[in-house]
Protein backbone atom coordinates (compact mmCIF):
# COMPACT_ATOMS: atom_id res chain seq x y z
CA MET A 1 -20.27 -11.76 27.87
CA ARG A 2 -16.51 -11.99 27.67
CA MET A 3 -15.06 -10.83 24.36
CA LEU A 4 -12.54 -12.92 22.44
CA ARG A 5 -9.08 -11.34 22.51
CA LEU A 6 -6.36 -12.36 20.09
CA ILE A 7 -3.81 -10.38 22.09
CA PRO A 8 -4.04 -10.46 25.90
CA ASP A 9 -3.90 -7.25 27.88
CA GLY A 10 -0.63 -6.10 29.37
CA THR A 11 1.75 -7.73 26.89
CA ARG A 12 5.43 -7.01 27.46
CA ILE A 13 7.09 -8.33 24.32
CA ASP A 14 10.64 -7.10 23.78
CA PHE A 15 10.25 -6.03 20.15
CA VAL A 16 13.35 -3.83 20.27
CA GLY A 17 15.40 -6.80 21.45
CA PHE A 18 14.60 -8.60 18.18
CA ARG A 19 15.40 -5.59 16.00
CA ARG A 20 18.61 -7.12 14.61
CA LEU A 21 16.68 -10.16 13.41
CA GLY A 22 14.15 -7.80 11.85
CA PHE A 23 16.94 -5.88 10.12
CA ILE A 24 18.38 -9.14 8.76
CA ILE A 25 15.00 -10.13 7.31
CA SER A 26 14.50 -6.68 5.77
CA ILE A 27 18.00 -6.61 4.26
CA ALA A 28 17.49 -10.12 2.86
CA LEU A 29 14.21 -9.10 1.21
CA ILE A 30 15.83 -5.98 -0.25
CA LEU A 31 18.82 -7.92 -1.61
CA ILE A 32 16.55 -10.53 -3.19
CA SER A 33 14.49 -7.75 -4.76
CA VAL A 34 17.58 -5.96 -6.09
CA GLY A 35 18.97 -9.19 -7.53
CA SER A 36 15.70 -10.11 -9.21
CA LEU A 37 15.13 -6.64 -10.64
CA SER A 38 18.71 -6.53 -11.95
CA GLY A 39 18.64 -10.00 -13.46
CA ARG A 40 15.05 -10.62 -14.51
CA GLY A 41 13.45 -7.21 -14.50
CA LEU A 42 9.68 -6.72 -14.43
CA ASN A 43 7.10 -8.53 -16.50
CA LEU A 44 5.52 -5.35 -17.82
CA GLY A 45 1.94 -5.53 -19.00
CA ILE A 46 0.33 -4.18 -22.11
CA ASP A 47 -0.26 -0.83 -20.41
CA PHE A 48 3.50 -0.19 -20.37
CA LEU A 49 4.72 -2.15 -23.39
CA GLY A 50 1.93 -1.13 -25.74
CA GLY A 51 -0.77 -3.34 -27.20
CA ILE A 52 -4.26 -3.66 -28.61
CA LEU A 53 -7.35 -2.51 -26.70
CA ILE A 54 -10.76 -3.67 -27.94
CA GLU A 55 -14.01 -2.88 -26.15
CA VAL A 56 -16.85 -5.23 -27.05
CA ARG A 57 -20.49 -5.60 -25.99
CA ALA A 58 -22.34 -8.90 -26.09
CA PRO A 59 -26.12 -9.44 -26.24
CA GLU A 60 -25.95 -11.32 -22.91
CA PRO A 61 -23.54 -11.51 -19.93
CA VAL A 62 -20.09 -12.71 -20.97
CA ASP A 63 -18.30 -15.74 -19.55
CA LEU A 64 -14.75 -14.35 -19.29
CA GLY A 65 -13.22 -17.81 -18.85
CA ALA A 66 -14.78 -19.15 -22.03
CA MET A 67 -13.83 -16.02 -23.99
CA ARG A 68 -10.24 -16.24 -22.76
CA ALA A 69 -10.00 -19.90 -23.77
CA THR A 70 -11.33 -19.06 -27.24
CA LEU A 71 -8.82 -16.25 -27.77
CA ASP A 72 -5.91 -18.30 -26.42
CA ALA A 73 -6.72 -21.02 -28.93
CA ALA A 74 -6.64 -18.42 -31.74
CA GLY A 75 -2.94 -17.78 -31.11
CA VAL A 76 -3.04 -14.00 -30.81
CA GLY A 77 -0.53 -13.93 -27.95
CA GLU A 78 -1.16 -13.02 -24.35
CA VAL A 79 -4.68 -11.71 -23.86
CA THR A 80 -6.13 -10.04 -20.77
CA LEU A 81 -9.87 -9.61 -20.26
CA GLN A 82 -11.37 -7.01 -17.99
CA GLY A 83 -15.03 -6.85 -17.05
CA MET A 84 -16.72 -3.45 -17.05
CA GLU A 85 -19.74 -1.89 -15.38
CA ARG A 86 -22.16 -3.83 -17.54
CA PRO A 87 -21.82 -7.63 -17.43
CA THR A 88 -22.17 -7.62 -21.21
CA ASP A 89 -19.15 -5.33 -21.75
CA VAL A 90 -15.57 -6.60 -21.89
CA LEU A 91 -12.25 -4.83 -22.48
CA ILE A 92 -9.82 -7.05 -24.40
CA ARG A 93 -6.09 -6.34 -24.10
CA ALA A 94 -3.69 -8.12 -26.44
CA GLN A 95 0.04 -7.80 -27.01
CA LEU A 96 1.22 -5.62 -29.85
CA PRO A 97 2.79 -8.03 -32.38
CA GLU A 98 6.02 -7.33 -34.20
CA GLY A 99 5.68 -6.05 -37.72
CA GLY A 100 4.20 -2.60 -37.30
CA ASP A 101 0.69 -1.45 -38.14
CA ALA A 102 0.06 -4.23 -40.63
CA ALA A 103 0.70 -6.93 -38.02
CA ALA A 104 -1.44 -5.07 -35.48
CA LYS A 105 -4.37 -4.81 -37.90
CA SER A 106 -3.99 -8.50 -38.70
CA ALA A 107 -4.19 -9.34 -34.98
CA VAL A 108 -7.34 -7.22 -34.64
CA ASP A 109 -8.91 -9.03 -37.60
CA THR A 110 -8.00 -12.38 -36.02
CA ILE A 111 -9.68 -11.41 -32.75
CA ARG A 112 -12.80 -10.19 -34.52
CA GLY A 113 -12.93 -13.29 -36.66
CA THR A 114 -12.54 -15.55 -33.62
CA LEU A 115 -15.28 -13.86 -31.61
CA GLY A 116 -17.64 -13.54 -34.55
CA ASP A 117 -20.34 -11.01 -35.38
CA THR A 118 -22.39 -11.55 -32.23
CA TYR A 119 -20.35 -8.86 -30.47
CA ASP A 120 -20.64 -5.12 -30.95
CA TYR A 121 -17.09 -3.75 -31.35
CA ARG A 122 -17.44 -0.39 -29.65
CA SER A 123 -13.81 0.75 -29.88
CA VAL A 124 -10.45 -0.49 -31.15
CA GLU A 125 -7.23 1.24 -30.04
CA LEU A 126 -3.56 0.57 -30.64
CA VAL A 127 -1.28 1.66 -27.78
CA GLY A 128 2.27 2.12 -29.05
CA PRO A 129 5.45 1.44 -27.06
CA THR A 130 6.07 5.18 -26.72
CA ILE A 131 2.76 5.74 -24.93
CA GLY A 132 3.42 2.69 -22.75
CA ALA A 133 6.83 4.01 -21.74
CA GLU A 134 5.26 7.36 -20.86
CA LEU A 135 2.70 5.63 -18.64
CA LEU A 136 5.50 3.72 -16.90
CA ARG A 137 7.46 6.92 -16.30
CA LYS A 138 4.42 8.70 -14.87
CA GLY A 139 3.63 5.70 -12.67
CA ILE A 140 7.14 5.72 -11.20
CA ILE A 141 7.06 9.49 -10.64
CA GLY A 142 3.63 9.29 -9.02
CA THR A 143 4.71 6.54 -6.63
CA VAL A 144 7.92 8.34 -5.64
CA LEU A 145 6.12 11.65 -5.08
CA ALA A 146 3.46 9.93 -2.96
CA VAL A 147 6.07 8.29 -0.73
CA LEU A 148 8.02 11.54 -0.37
CA GLY A 149 4.82 13.41 0.45
CA ILE A 150 4.03 10.88 3.17
CA GLY A 151 7.49 11.33 4.69
CA LEU A 152 7.25 15.14 4.62
CA TYR A 153 3.82 15.13 6.23
CA VAL A 154 4.94 12.84 9.05
CA ALA A 155 8.03 15.00 9.59
CA PHE A 156 5.84 18.12 9.77
CA ARG A 157 3.21 16.52 12.00
CA PHE A 158 5.67 14.86 14.39
CA GLU A 159 9.46 15.37 14.32
CA TRP A 160 11.93 15.00 11.46
CA GLN A 161 13.16 11.71 12.95
CA PHE A 162 9.68 10.24 12.58
CA GLY A 163 9.49 11.51 9.00
CA VAL A 164 12.77 9.84 8.06
CA THR A 165 11.78 6.51 9.59
CA ALA A 166 8.30 6.63 8.00
CA LEU A 167 9.92 7.31 4.62
CA ILE A 168 12.32 4.39 5.06
CA ALA A 169 9.53 2.02 6.14
CA THR A 170 7.24 3.01 3.25
CA LEU A 171 10.01 2.72 0.65
CA HIS A 172 10.87 -0.68 2.13
CA ASP A 173 7.29 -1.93 1.68
CA VAL A 174 6.92 -0.62 -1.86
CA PHE A 175 10.31 -1.89 -3.00
CA VAL A 176 9.98 -5.44 -1.66
CA THR A 177 6.51 -5.64 -3.23
CA VAL A 178 7.95 -4.67 -6.61
CA GLY A 179 10.66 -7.26 -5.98
CA LEU A 180 8.00 -9.93 -5.42
CA PHE A 181 6.47 -9.17 -8.82
CA SER A 182 9.91 -9.37 -10.41
CA LEU A 183 10.89 -12.60 -8.65
CA PHE A 184 7.80 -14.53 -9.76
CA GLN A 185 7.40 -12.62 -13.05
CA ILE A 186 3.85 -11.53 -12.26
CA GLU A 187 2.45 -9.02 -14.72
CA PHE A 188 3.17 -5.45 -13.65
CA ASN A 189 0.63 -2.96 -15.00
CA THR A 190 -1.20 0.23 -14.06
CA THR A 191 -3.43 -1.72 -11.66
CA THR A 192 -0.29 -2.79 -9.81
CA VAL A 193 0.80 0.85 -9.52
CA ALA A 194 -2.57 1.66 -7.95
CA ALA A 195 -2.01 -1.19 -5.49
CA LEU A 196 1.44 0.17 -4.60
CA LEU A 197 -0.03 3.58 -3.81
CA THR A 198 -2.74 1.94 -1.71
CA LEU A 199 -0.31 -0.15 0.32
CA ALA A 200 1.93 2.89 0.85
CA GLY A 201 -0.97 4.68 2.49
CA TYR A 202 -1.91 1.63 4.53
CA SER A 203 1.66 1.08 5.67
CA VAL A 204 2.16 4.63 6.90
CA ASN A 205 -1.22 4.54 8.67
CA ASP A 206 -0.06 1.72 10.93
CA THR A 207 3.33 3.38 11.40
CA VAL A 208 1.73 6.68 12.45
CA ILE A 209 -0.34 4.91 15.12
CA VAL A 210 2.85 3.57 16.70
CA PHE A 211 4.62 6.92 16.31
CA ASP A 212 1.79 8.80 17.98
CA ARG A 213 1.95 6.53 21.02
CA ILE A 214 5.75 6.88 21.15
CA ARG A 215 5.46 10.67 21.04
CA GLU A 216 2.88 10.79 23.82
CA THR A 217 4.92 8.44 25.99
CA LEU A 218 8.04 10.54 25.42
CA ARG A 219 6.18 13.61 26.67
CA LYS A 220 4.80 11.94 29.77
CA ASP A 221 7.73 9.79 30.87
CA LYS A 222 11.02 11.64 31.27
CA SER A 223 12.92 8.89 33.06
CA ALA A 224 12.50 5.87 30.76
CA ASP A 225 14.99 5.29 27.96
CA LEU A 226 13.95 5.19 24.30
CA LYS A 227 14.08 1.38 24.05
CA THR A 228 11.63 1.01 26.92
CA ILE A 229 9.31 3.65 25.48
CA ILE A 230 9.30 2.04 22.02
CA ASN A 231 8.54 -1.39 23.49
CA ARG A 232 5.80 0.04 25.68
CA SER A 233 4.24 1.92 22.77
CA ILE A 234 4.27 -1.06 20.40
CA ASN A 235 2.73 -3.33 23.04
CA ALA A 236 0.07 -0.71 23.77
CA THR A 237 -0.99 -0.57 20.10
CA LEU A 238 -0.46 -4.28 19.40
CA THR A 239 -4.14 -5.25 19.69
CA ARG A 240 -5.17 -2.50 17.29
CA THR A 241 -2.40 -3.43 14.84
CA VAL A 242 -3.22 -7.15 14.80
CA ASN A 243 -7.00 -6.66 14.54
CA THR A 244 -6.74 -4.11 11.74
CA SER A 245 -4.18 -6.13 9.79
CA LEU A 246 -6.12 -9.39 10.07
CA THR A 247 -9.45 -7.92 9.00
CA THR A 248 -7.88 -6.17 6.02
CA LEU A 249 -5.87 -9.27 5.16
CA LEU A 250 -9.02 -11.43 5.09
CA ALA A 251 -10.62 -9.08 2.56
CA CYS A 252 -7.47 -9.10 0.41
CA LEU A 253 -7.23 -12.90 0.56
CA ALA A 254 -10.83 -13.14 -0.64
CA LEU A 255 -9.92 -10.96 -3.62
CA LEU A 256 -6.75 -12.96 -4.20
CA PHE A 257 -8.44 -16.36 -4.40
CA LEU A 258 -11.90 -15.40 -5.63
CA GLY A 259 -11.31 -12.23 -7.65
CA GLY A 260 -10.09 -13.99 -10.76
CA ARG A 261 -7.20 -13.28 -13.05
CA THR A 262 -8.01 -9.62 -13.54
CA LEU A 263 -7.67 -8.71 -9.84
CA PHE A 264 -4.85 -11.12 -9.04
CA GLY A 265 -1.98 -8.63 -9.32
CA PHE A 266 -3.82 -5.93 -7.39
CA SER A 267 -4.89 -8.23 -4.55
CA LEU A 268 -1.46 -9.91 -4.35
CA ALA A 269 0.29 -6.55 -3.97
CA LEU A 270 -2.11 -5.53 -1.20
CA THR A 271 -1.84 -8.88 0.59
CA TRP A 272 1.95 -8.86 0.55
CA GLY A 273 2.00 -5.16 1.39
CA ILE A 274 -0.13 -5.66 4.51
CA VAL A 275 2.26 -8.32 5.79
CA THR A 276 5.39 -6.27 5.10
CA GLY A 277 3.71 -3.06 6.29
CA THR A 278 2.85 -4.55 9.67
CA PHE A 279 6.37 -5.94 9.94
CA SER A 280 8.06 -2.67 8.95
CA SER A 281 5.98 -0.61 11.38
CA VAL A 282 7.68 -2.46 14.24
CA TYR A 283 11.08 -3.58 12.99
CA VAL A 284 11.89 -0.84 10.48
CA GLY A 285 9.95 2.28 11.41
CA ALA A 286 10.14 2.18 15.19
CA ALA A 287 13.52 0.45 15.49
CA VAL A 288 15.32 2.94 13.22
CA LEU A 289 14.50 5.68 15.74
CA LEU A 290 17.16 4.18 18.02
CA TYR A 291 19.88 5.08 15.52
CA LEU A 292 18.81 8.70 14.94
CA PRO A 293 19.42 11.75 17.14
CA PRO A 294 17.13 11.79 20.20
CA VAL A 295 13.60 13.06 19.73
CA ARG A 296 12.67 16.17 21.70
CA ARG A 297 10.71 15.45 24.85
CA VAL A 298 8.24 18.33 25.04
CA PRO A 299 6.59 18.25 28.47
CA VAL A 300 2.85 17.91 28.77
CA LYS A 301 1.43 21.00 30.48
CA ALA A 302 -0.61 20.39 33.57
CA ALA A 303 -4.26 21.32 33.51
CA ALA A 304 -3.68 24.02 36.12
CA ASP A 305 -1.00 25.64 33.97
CA LEU A 306 -3.44 25.99 31.09
CA GLN A 307 -5.91 28.13 33.13
CA PRO A 308 -5.45 31.91 33.53
CA THR A 309 -4.26 32.91 37.00
CA ALA A 310 -6.43 36.03 37.31
CA GLU A 311 -9.76 34.26 36.77
CA PRO A 312 -10.00 32.44 40.17
CA ALA A 313 -9.39 35.71 42.08
CA ARG A 314 -12.09 37.46 40.09
CA LEU A 315 -14.49 34.60 40.79
CA ASP A 316 -13.71 34.71 44.54
CA SER A 317 -14.46 38.44 44.68
CA ARG A 318 -17.83 37.89 43.01
CA VAL A 319 -18.72 35.16 45.50
CA SER A 320 -17.70 37.36 48.47
CA SER A 321 -19.79 40.30 47.29
CA SER A 322 -22.84 38.11 46.78
CA VAL A 323 -22.51 36.67 50.29
CA GLN A 324 -22.25 40.16 51.85
CA GLN A 325 -25.39 41.22 50.06
């Protein structure tokens, strides 16, 4: 039975020839992100701004939509509900109102009065702005260290040119994703930071596949120029790239449209990150290699060169002696 192929065999697409268009798109996305972050900033969630955290347990599974509508009608500000391991447990996150501890306690009383006594209030916590700022700082440091670690590993595993381009491509994907959240004022919280770290790993995974093929082709083909080798390598891995990206994208789209409000930010960051990561692997990661010093072309040793020269002679002498006997 003939298998369905999204990408035909033997493609010869001139990806390098379109690199300037790819650079224009990347620069446009970066400029839009910079402008939005400078003008509008991020819509930080309760995790970073501080707020009220209430963990409740109901006698039966909770309808999060109905609970959210009830709390919105109570006028306690923006409320986020998060389901937990048990379907009867819910974590309620509410904004920290102005007015200090008295206003915060009043908001907690309002929430408890709105929900009633049918719920078991297992914990009530107030997260101050100082703690939220510390979480934001640690989230930024963690993301930056992860991206730098990825670049250093690629530089160690391949060549420093590959490490630089992998670092640029990963920073590109993370930054334009943050810019998307700023542009549309989507809530940015600790779940979003987790999504950024996930998409950074996914992005560099696709980039490394292309880099590995480029490195092997550089070792085997001494006559072809770098543009030809990059095009050949991208076309050789194109089927794998498209199939992997599409299957992962389908899962992320299911989370995006069916996961509800709680998973929206996480799934949106992954969905956008997969698109930009696939794009940057070709038009940012691989294309930037053309503008860096040439990569070393270490020759591939022939199989005969890897065998010891004395062993065949020793084997021949053993065969001769056995024949004489």
